[in-house]
Protein backbone atom coordinates (compact mmCIF):
# COMPACT_ATOMS: atom_id res chain seq x y z
CA MET A 1 0.00 0.00 0.00
CA PHE A 2 2.86 2.40 0.81
CA ASP A 3 4.29 1.98 -2.70
CA ASP A 4 0.86 2.79 -4.15
CA LEU A 5 0.67 5.98 -2.08
CA VAL A 6 4.13 7.08 -3.19
CA ALA A 7 3.34 6.36 -6.84
CA ALA A 8 0.05 8.28 -6.63
CA TYR A 9 1.74 11.18 -4.84
CA LEU A 10 4.49 11.46 -7.46
CA SER A 11 1.99 11.15 -10.29
CA LEU A 12 -0.13 13.95 -8.83
CA GLN A 13 2.92 16.17 -8.43
CA ARG A 14 3.69 15.76 -12.14
CA TYR A 15 0.03 16.32 -13.07
CA MET A 16 -0.13 19.50 -11.01
CA GLN A 17 2.95 20.86 -12.81
CA GLN A 18 0.82 20.88 -15.99
CA HIS A 19 -2.54 21.87 -14.47
CA ASN A 20 -3.64 24.28 -11.77
CA GLU A 21 -6.12 21.87 -10.17
CA VAL A 22 -6.64 18.18 -9.60
CA GLU A 23 -9.79 16.40 -8.45
CA LEU A 24 -9.37 13.24 -6.41
CA SER A 25 -12.35 10.95 -5.93
CA ALA A 26 -12.87 7.60 -4.27
CA LEU A 27 -15.55 5.15 -3.20
CA GLY A 28 -15.84 3.10 -0.03
CA MET A 29 -12.62 1.83 1.46
CA ALA A 30 -10.48 3.77 -1.05
CA ILE A 31 -11.53 7.04 0.62
CA ALA A 32 -8.80 6.75 3.26
CA THR A 33 -6.12 6.51 0.57
CA VAL A 34 -7.37 9.60 -1.29
CA VAL A 35 -7.61 11.61 1.93
CA THR A 36 -4.07 10.55 2.89
CA ILE A 37 -2.66 11.62 -0.47
CA ALA A 38 -4.49 14.97 -0.29
CA GLU A 39 -3.15 15.58 3.22
CA ILE A 40 0.43 14.75 2.18
CA LEU A 41 0.23 17.21 -0.73
CA LYS A 42 -1.19 19.88 1.59
CA ASN A 43 1.28 19.23 4.42
CA ASN A 44 4.22 19.43 1.99
CA GLY A 45 2.98 22.85 0.90
CA LEU A 46 2.22 21.78 -2.67
CA ALA A 47 -1.58 22.01 -2.65
CA VAL A 48 -4.45 23.90 -1.11
CA GLU A 49 -7.88 22.44 -0.53
CA LYS A 50 -10.52 24.14 -2.66
CA LYS A 51 -13.59 21.95 -2.20
CA ILE A 52 -14.64 18.67 -0.59
CA THR A 53 -17.89 16.92 -1.50
CA THR A 54 -19.27 13.77 0.10
CA SER A 55 -22.20 11.69 -1.08
CA THR A 56 -23.47 8.15 -1.43
CA VAL A 57 -23.90 6.26 -4.67
CA ASP A 58 -25.81 3.09 -5.49
CA ILE A 59 -23.56 0.33 -6.85
CA ARG A 60 -24.66 -3.08 -8.09
CA GLU A 61 -21.97 -5.45 -6.86
CA GLU A 62 -23.23 -8.47 -8.81
CA THR A 63 -25.31 -8.91 -11.93
CA GLY A 64 -28.94 -8.79 -10.88
CA GLY A 65 -28.00 -8.07 -7.27
CA ARG A 66 -29.53 -5.37 -5.16
CA PRO A 67 -27.86 -1.97 -5.23
CA VAL A 68 -25.55 -1.24 -2.31
CA GLN A 69 -24.88 2.29 -1.10
CA LYS A 70 -21.22 3.29 -1.05
CA ALA A 71 -19.72 6.42 0.42
CA LYS A 72 -18.06 8.74 -2.11
CA ILE A 73 -15.67 11.65 -1.64
CA GLU A 74 -14.43 14.22 -4.13
CA ILE A 75 -11.54 16.50 -3.18
CA LEU A 76 -10.56 19.44 -5.37
CA LEU A 77 -7.00 20.61 -4.81
CA GLY A 78 -5.27 23.61 -6.33
CA LYS A 79 -1.60 24.48 -6.62
CA SER A 80 -0.26 26.35 -3.63
CA GLU A 81 1.42 29.72 -4.14
CA LYS A 82 4.79 28.05 -3.45
CA PHE A 83 4.20 25.02 -5.70
CA ASP A 84 6.60 26.01 -8.49
CA GLU A 85 9.27 27.11 -6.02
CA LEU A 86 9.04 23.84 -4.05
CA MET A 87 9.12 21.72 -7.20
CA ALA A 88 12.18 23.59 -8.52
CA ALA A 89 13.97 23.06 -5.19
CA ALA A 90 13.11 19.34 -5.21
CA GLU A 91 14.36 19.00 -8.79
CA GLU A 92 17.62 20.78 -7.93
CA GLU A 93 18.09 18.51 -4.91
CA ALA A 94 17.52 15.42 -7.07
CA ILE A 95 20.12 16.64 -9.59
CA ASN A 96 22.64 17.31 -6.81
CA ASN A 97 22.05 13.85 -5.32
CA GLU A 98 22.48 12.26 -8.75
CA GLU A 99 25.77 14.11 -9.31
CA GLN A 100 27.08 12.91 -5.94
CA SER A 101 26.31 9.28 -6.76
């Protein structure tokens, strides 16, 4: 699970370099993962929370089965004011570490 979080975090960093906003959404048990990723981006100063929406959706888990309600969350994050500065510093640090290797 940790590797999945790191991969998602890095992917979102790259996405946010190209776009000003990103919307994360999840159903059911995946909500904790999305919230964790959003909090890491915020705590590292890369993102600011713009909007959070919660709801329930009906999902049919099996063909012909009864619909089951699942919790849903949508989190809209925007780039922080320091995003570009922090990303440039991280890139410079990575280059310096590579040169030292």
